[in-house]
Amino acid sequence: MSAKPYILVSSGGRWWISFGSSRHGPFISKQIAIDAAIRLARVDFAVGRPARVLLDDKDGRQSVLYDSSH
């Protein structure tokens, strides 16, 4: 089973968590958004669904911030 991605994106000076066709936020800081995304990913993992938190950078690359498989 592939991990559900929670992707952190910055837009208009705010941070959002994008997952599937949904968005959660806005958050006033990057760290608050990271913490919220990791909490969401841990809930998924607790019920048997692997999840990852990814950060989009300005060049379109993604960094893995949390991976429930590790």
PDB file of N, CA and C in Angstrom:
ATOM      1  N   MET A   1       0.847  -1.171   0.000  1.00  0.00           N
ATOM      2  CA  MET A   1       0.000   0.000   0.000  1.00  0.00           C
ATOM      3  C   MET A   1       0.898   1.241   0.000  1.00  0.00           C
ATOM      4  N   SER A   2       0.619   2.177  -0.907  1.00  0.00           N
ATOM      5  CA  SER A   2       1.444   3.380  -0.951  1.00  0.00           C
ATOM      6  C   SER A   2       1.010   4.359   0.140  1.00  0.00           C
ATOM      7  N   ALA A   3       1.957   5.167   0.560  1.00  0.00           N
ATOM      8  CA  ALA A   3       1.711   6.113   1.645  1.00  0.00           C
ATOM      9  C   ALA A   3       0.880   7.293   1.148  1.00  0.00           C
ATOM     10  N   LYS A   4      -0.086   7.698   1.955  1.00  0.00           N
ATOM     11  CA  LYS A   4      -0.887   8.878   1.647  1.00  0.00           C
ATOM     12  C   LYS A   4      -0.014  10.110   1.842  1.00  0.00           C
ATOM     13  N   PRO A   5       0.088  10.967   0.824  1.00  0.00           N
ATOM     14  CA  PRO A   5       0.929  12.151   0.974  1.00  0.00           C
ATOM     15  C   PRO A   5       0.157  13.349   1.544  1.00  0.00           C
ATOM     16  N   TYR A   6       0.743  13.970   2.528  1.00  0.00           N
ATOM     17  CA  TYR A   6       0.288  15.262   3.032  1.00  0.00           C
ATOM     18  C   TYR A   6       1.349  16.256   2.574  1.00  0.00           C
ATOM     19  N   ILE A   7       0.977  17.160   1.678  1.00  0.00           N
ATOM     20  CA  ILE A   7       1.951  18.045   1.047  1.00  0.00           C
ATOM     21  C   ILE A   7       1.784  19.465   1.593  1.00  0.00           C
ATOM     22  N   LEU A   8       2.870  20.023   2.124  1.00  0.00           N
ATOM     23  CA  LEU A   8       2.854  21.386   2.652  1.00  0.00           C
ATOM     24  C   LEU A   8       3.180  22.363   1.533  1.00  0.00           C
ATOM     25  N   VAL A   9       2.315  23.366   1.377  1.00  0.00           N
ATOM     26  CA  VAL A   9       2.529  24.384   0.354  1.00  0.00           C
ATOM     27  C   VAL A   9       2.322  25.769   0.956  1.00  0.00           C
ATOM     28  N   SER A  10       3.078  26.718   0.448  1.00  0.00           N
ATOM     29  CA  SER A  10       2.957  28.108   0.868  1.00  0.00           C
ATOM     30  C   SER A  10       2.220  28.881  -0.217  1.00  0.00           C
ATOM     31  N   SER A  11       1.242  29.676   0.207  1.00  0.00           N
ATOM     32  CA  SER A  11       0.476  30.481  -0.746  1.00  0.00           C
ATOM     33  C   SER A  11      -0.010  31.740  -0.045  1.00  0.00           C
ATOM     34  N   GLY A  12       0.331  32.874  -0.608  1.00  0.00           N
ATOM     35  CA  GLY A  12      -0.139  34.137  -0.048  1.00  0.00           C
ATOM     36  C   GLY A  12       0.359  34.422   1.351  1.00  0.00           C
ATOM     37  N   GLY A  13       1.556  33.946   1.678  1.00  0.00           N
ATOM     38  CA  GLY A  13       2.106  34.185   3.003  1.00  0.00           C
ATOM     39  C   GLY A  13       1.573  33.262   4.085  1.00  0.00           C
ATOM     40  N   ARG A  14       0.771  32.300   3.698  1.00  0.00           N
ATOM     41  CA  ARG A  14       0.213  31.311   4.639  1.00  0.00           C
ATOM     42  C   ARG A  14       0.625  29.918   4.203  1.00  0.00           C
ATOM     43  N   TRP A  15       0.483  28.963   5.095  1.00  0.00           N
ATOM     44  CA  TRP A  15       0.827  27.568   4.814  1.00  0.00           C
ATOM     45  C   TRP A  15      -0.424  26.718   4.811  1.00  0.00           C
ATOM     46  N   TRP A  16      -0.450  25.757   3.919  1.00  0.00           N
ATOM     47  CA  TRP A  16      -1.584  24.854   3.733  1.00  0.00           C
ATOM     48  C   TRP A  16      -1.085  23.418   3.698  1.00  0.00           C
ATOM     49  N   ILE A  17      -1.972  22.485   4.072  1.00  0.00           N
ATOM     50  CA  ILE A  17      -1.713  21.059   3.915  1.00  0.00           C
ATOM     51  C   ILE A  17      -2.649  20.571   2.819  1.00  0.00           C
ATOM     52  N   SER A  18      -2.068  20.030   1.772  1.00  0.00           N
ATOM     53  CA  SER A  18      -2.835  19.510   0.650  1.00  0.00           C
ATOM     54  C   SER A  18      -2.796  17.986   0.704  1.00  0.00           C
ATOM     55  N   PHE A  19      -3.974  17.360   0.627  1.00  0.00           N
ATOM     56  CA  PHE A  19      -4.038  15.897   0.589  1.00  0.00           C
ATOM     57  C   PHE A  19      -5.236  15.496  -0.253  1.00  0.00           C
ATOM     58  N   GLY A  20      -4.937  14.706  -1.280  1.00  0.00           N
ATOM     59  CA  GLY A  20      -5.988  14.337  -2.219  1.00  0.00           C
ATOM     60  C   GLY A  20      -6.532  15.597  -2.881  1.00  0.00           C
ATOM     61  N   SER A  21      -7.824  15.759  -2.883  1.00  0.00           N
ATOM     62  CA  SER A  21      -8.437  16.953  -3.466  1.00  0.00           C
ATOM     63  C   SER A  21      -8.797  17.979  -2.401  1.00  0.00           C
ATOM     64  N   SER A  22      -8.294  17.779  -1.188  1.00  0.00           N
ATOM     65  CA  SER A  22      -8.624  18.662  -0.061  1.00  0.00           C
ATOM     66  C   SER A  22      -7.429  19.491   0.373  1.00  0.00           C
ATOM     67  N   ARG A  23      -7.739  20.595   1.048  1.00  0.00           N
ATOM     68  CA  ARG A  23      -6.724  21.447   1.660  1.00  0.00           C
ATOM     69  C   ARG A  23      -7.124  21.724   3.089  1.00  0.00           C
ATOM     70  N   HIS A  24      -6.153  21.806   3.970  1.00  0.00           N
ATOM     71  CA  HIS A  24      -6.382  22.107   5.377  1.00  0.00           C
ATOM     72  C   HIS A  24      -5.547  23.322   5.716  1.00  0.00           C
ATOM     73  N   GLY A  25      -6.141  24.304   6.346  1.00  0.00           N
ATOM     74  CA  GLY A  25      -5.412  25.514   6.698  1.00  0.00           C
ATOM     75  C   GLY A  25      -6.306  26.718   6.496  1.00  0.00           C
ATOM     76  N   PRO A  26      -5.753  27.895   6.493  1.00  0.00           N
ATOM     77  CA  PRO A  26      -4.326  28.218   6.478  1.00  0.00           C
ATOM     78  C   PRO A  26      -3.703  28.193   7.869  1.00  0.00           C
ATOM     79  N   PHE A  27      -2.390  28.068   7.880  1.00  0.00           N
ATOM     80  CA  PHE A  27      -1.596  28.117   9.100  1.00  0.00           C
ATOM     81  C   PHE A  27      -0.706  29.345   9.032  1.00  0.00           C
ATOM     82  N   ILE A  28      -0.469  29.977  10.177  1.00  0.00           N
ATOM     83  CA  ILE A  28       0.297  31.220  10.176  1.00  0.00           C
ATOM     84  C   ILE A  28       1.799  31.014  10.073  1.00  0.00           C
ATOM     85  N   SER A  29       2.243  29.779  10.304  1.00  0.00           N
ATOM     86  CA  SER A  29       3.683  29.526  10.173  1.00  0.00           C
ATOM     87  C   SER A  29       3.924  28.149   9.569  1.00  0.00           C
ATOM     88  N   LYS A  30       5.093  28.016   8.997  1.00  0.00           N
ATOM     89  CA  LYS A  30       5.509  26.742   8.418  1.00  0.00           C
ATOM     90  C   LYS A  30       5.562  25.661   9.486  1.00  0.00           C
ATOM     91  N   GLN A  31       6.113  25.968  10.656  1.00  0.00           N
ATOM     92  CA  GLN A  31       6.252  24.960  11.709  1.00  0.00           C
ATOM     93  C   GLN A  31       4.900  24.474  12.216  1.00  0.00           C
ATOM     94  N   ILE A  32       3.945  25.374  12.355  1.00  0.00           N
ATOM     95  CA  ILE A  32       2.605  24.963  12.796  1.00  0.00           C
ATOM     96  C   ILE A  32       1.977  24.036  11.755  1.00  0.00           C
ATOM     97  N   ALA A  33       2.165  24.331  10.489  1.00  0.00           N
ATOM     98  CA  ALA A  33       1.639  23.472   9.420  1.00  0.00           C
ATOM     99  C   ALA A  33       2.316  22.110   9.426  1.00  0.00           C
ATOM    100  N   ILE A  34       3.628  22.088   9.642  1.00  0.00           N
ATOM    101  CA  ILE A  34       4.366  20.817   9.714  1.00  0.00           C
ATOM    102  C   ILE A  34       3.827  19.973  10.867  1.00  0.00           C
ATOM    103  N   ASP A  35       3.682  20.577  12.030  1.00  0.00           N
ATOM    104  CA  ASP A  35       3.183  19.848  13.198  1.00  0.00           C
ATOM    105  C   ASP A  35       1.785  19.277  12.944  1.00  0.00           C
ATOM    106  N   ALA A  36       0.913  20.073  12.324  1.00  0.00           N
ATOM    107  CA  ALA A  36      -0.447  19.612  12.030  1.00  0.00           C
ATOM    108  C   ALA A  36      -0.436  18.470  11.017  1.00  0.00           C
ATOM    109  N   ALA A  37       0.400  18.581  10.006  1.00  0.00           N
ATOM    110  CA  ALA A  37       0.476  17.521   8.984  1.00  0.00           C
ATOM    111  C   ALA A  37       0.995  16.218   9.581  1.00  0.00           C
ATOM    112  N   ILE A  38       1.980  16.311  10.453  1.00  0.00           N
ATOM    113  CA  ILE A  38       2.507  15.104  11.099  1.00  0.00           C
ATOM    114  C   ILE A  38       1.439  14.469  11.994  1.00  0.00           C
ATOM    115  N   ARG A  39       0.661  15.279  12.692  1.00  0.00           N
ATOM    116  CA  ARG A  39      -0.435  14.727  13.502  1.00  0.00           C
ATOM    117  C   ARG A  39      -1.434  13.978  12.614  1.00  0.00           C
ATOM    118  N   LEU A  40      -1.805  14.572  11.474  1.00  0.00           N
ATOM    119  CA  LEU A  40      -2.728  13.905  10.545  1.00  0.00           C
ATOM    120  C   LEU A  40      -2.145  12.589  10.028  1.00  0.00           C
ATOM    121  N   ALA A  41      -0.869  12.606   9.676  1.00  0.00           N
ATOM    122  CA  ALA A  41      -0.213  11.392   9.172  1.00  0.00           C
ATOM    123  C   ALA A  41      -0.166  10.306  10.241  1.00  0.00           C
ATOM    124  N   ARG A  42       0.070  10.690  11.478  1.00  0.00           N
ATOM    125  CA  ARG A  42       0.111   9.705  12.569  1.00  0.00           C
ATOM    126  C   ARG A  42      -1.261   9.087  12.829  1.00  0.00           C
ATOM    127  N   VAL A  43      -2.318   9.860  12.673  1.00  0.00           N
ATOM    128  CA  VAL A  43      -3.673   9.311  12.812  1.00  0.00           C
ATOM    129  C   VAL A  43      -3.913   8.263  11.720  1.00  0.00           C
ATOM    130  N   ASP A  44      -3.544   8.587  10.487  1.00  0.00           N
ATOM    131  CA  ASP A  44      -3.672   7.602   9.411  1.00  0.00           C
ATOM    132  C   ASP A  44      -2.901   6.330   9.740  1.00  0.00           C
ATOM    133  N   PHE A  45      -1.669   6.478  10.180  1.00  0.00           N
ATOM    134  CA  PHE A  45      -0.830   5.318  10.491  1.00  0.00           C
ATOM    135  C   PHE A  45      -1.425   4.487  11.625  1.00  0.00           C
ATOM    136  N   ALA A  46      -2.014   5.155  12.600  1.00  0.00           N
ATOM    137  CA  ALA A  46      -2.610   4.448  13.743  1.00  0.00           C
ATOM    138  C   ALA A  46      -3.751   3.530  13.325  1.00  0.00           C
ATOM    139  N   VAL A  47      -4.402   3.845  12.207  1.00  0.00           N
ATOM    140  CA  VAL A  47      -5.497   2.994  11.728  1.00  0.00           C
ATOM    141  C   VAL A  47      -5.069   2.147  10.532  1.00  0.00           C
ATOM    142  N   GLY A  48      -3.762   2.021  10.361  1.00  0.00           N
ATOM    143  CA  GLY A  48      -3.245   1.091   9.363  1.00  0.00           C
ATOM    144  C   GLY A  48      -2.972   1.647   7.983  1.00  0.00           C
ATOM    145  N   ARG A  49      -3.020   2.964   7.830  1.00  0.00           N
ATOM    146  CA  ARG A  49      -2.737   3.565   6.524  1.00  0.00           C
ATOM    147  C   ARG A  49      -1.399   4.308   6.587  1.00  0.00           C
ATOM    148  N   PRO A  50      -0.410   3.875   5.826  1.00  0.00           N
ATOM    149  CA  PRO A  50       0.869   4.589   5.824  1.00  0.00           C
ATOM    150  C   PRO A  50       0.692   6.004   5.271  1.00  0.00           C
ATOM    151  N   ALA A  51       1.503   6.926   5.779  1.00  0.00           N
ATOM    152  CA  ALA A  51       1.391   8.318   5.361  1.00  0.00           C
ATOM    153  C   ALA A  51       2.760   8.995   5.387  1.00  0.00           C
ATOM    154  N   ARG A  52       2.886  10.038   4.571  1.00  0.00           N
ATOM    155  CA  ARG A  52       4.115  10.831   4.529  1.00  0.00           C
ATOM    156  C   ARG A  52       3.759  12.309   4.523  1.00  0.00           C
ATOM    157  N   VAL A  53       4.648  13.120   5.083  1.00  0.00           N
ATOM    158  CA  VAL A  53       4.513  14.571   5.023  1.00  0.00           C
ATOM    159  C   VAL A  53       5.632  15.077   4.123  1.00  0.00           C
ATOM    160  N   LEU A  54       5.244  15.827   3.100  1.00  0.00           N
ATOM    161  CA  LEU A  54       6.185  16.334   2.108  1.00  0.00           C
ATOM    162  C   LEU A  54       6.132  17.861   2.083  1.00  0.00           C
ATOM    163  N   LEU A  55       7.273  18.468   1.814  1.00  0.00           N
ATOM    164  CA  LEU A  55       7.363  19.919   1.691  1.00  0.00           C
ATOM    165  C   LEU A  55       7.720  20.266   0.257  1.00  0.00           C
ATOM    166  N   ASP A  56       6.844  21.041  -0.395  1.00  0.00           N
ATOM    167  CA  ASP A  56       7.137  21.539  -1.743  1.00  0.00           C
ATOM    168  C   ASP A  56       8.065  22.735  -1.642  1.00  0.00           C
ATOM    169  N   ASP A  57       9.135  22.747  -2.446  1.00  0.00           N
ATOM    170  CA  ASP A  57       9.981  23.934  -2.469  1.00  0.00           C
ATOM    171  C   ASP A  57       9.661  24.758  -3.716  1.00  0.00           C
ATOM    172  N   LYS A  58      10.293  25.884  -3.848  1.00  0.00           N
ATOM    173  CA  LYS A  58       9.995  26.806  -4.948  1.00  0.00           C
ATOM    174  C   LYS A  58      10.360  26.244  -6.315  1.00  0.00           C
ATOM    175  N   ASP A  59      11.245  25.243  -6.358  1.00  0.00           N
ATOM    176  CA  ASP A  59      11.661  24.635  -7.621  1.00  0.00           C
ATOM    177  C   ASP A  59      10.821  23.425  -7.991  1.00  0.00           C
ATOM    178  N   GLY A  60       9.782  23.124  -7.212  1.00  0.00           N
ATOM    179  CA  GLY A  60       8.919  21.996  -7.505  1.00  0.00           C
ATOM    180  C   GLY A  60       9.396  20.663  -6.957  1.00  0.00           C
ATOM    181  N   ARG A  61      10.489  20.695  -6.211  1.00  0.00           N
ATOM    182  CA  ARG A  61      10.975  19.457  -5.581  1.00  0.00           C
ATOM    183  C   ARG A  61      10.275  19.258  -4.240  1.00  0.00           C
ATOM    184  N   GLN A  62      10.269  18.018  -3.775  1.00  0.00           N
ATOM    185  CA  GLN A  62       9.637  17.711  -2.496  1.00  0.00           C
ATOM    186  C   GLN A  62      10.650  17.091  -1.552  1.00  0.00           C
ATOM    187  N   SER A  63      10.599  17.533  -0.302  1.00  0.00           N
ATOM    188  CA  SER A  63      11.418  16.954   0.763  1.00  0.00           C
ATOM    189  C   SER A  63      10.494  16.160   1.679  1.00  0.00           C
ATOM    190  N   VAL A  64      10.945  14.988   2.098  1.00  0.00           N
ATOM    191  CA  VAL A  64      10.163  14.172   3.029  1.00  0.00           C
ATOM    192  C   VAL A  64      10.474  14.645   4.448  1.00  0.00           C
ATOM    193  N   LEU A  65       9.437  15.095   5.169  1.00  0.00           N
ATOM    194  CA  LEU A  65       9.610  15.551   6.544  1.00  0.00           C
ATOM    195  C   LEU A  65       9.218  14.489   7.551  1.00  0.00           C
ATOM    196  N   TYR A  66       8.336  13.586   7.132  1.00  0.00           N
ATOM    197  CA  TYR A  66       7.868  12.498   8.011  1.00  0.00           C
ATOM    198  C   TYR A  66       7.430  11.347   7.122  1.00  0.00           C
ATOM    199  N   ASP A  67       7.776  10.146   7.527  1.00  0.00           N
ATOM    200  CA  ASP A  67       7.379   8.941   6.804  1.00  0.00           C
ATOM    201  C   ASP A  67       7.019   7.892   7.851  1.00  0.00           C
ATOM    202  N   SER A  68       5.767   7.459   7.860  1.00  0.00           N
ATOM    203  CA  SER A  68       5.321   6.525   8.888  1.00  0.00           C
ATOM    204  C   SER A  68       5.985   5.157   8.788  1.00  0.00           C
ATOM    205  N   SER A  69       6.641   4.886   7.661  1.00  0.00           N
ATOM    206  CA  SER A  69       7.309   3.583   7.521  1.00  0.00           C
ATOM    207  C   SER A  69       8.675   3.557   8.185  1.00  0.00           C
ATOM    208  N   HIS A  70       9.147   4.671   8.711  1.00  0.00           N
ATOM    209  CA  HIS A  70      10.452   4.721   9.365  1.00  0.00           C
ATOM    210  C   HIS A  70      10.342   4.954  10.837  1.00  0.00           C
TER     211      HIS A  70
END
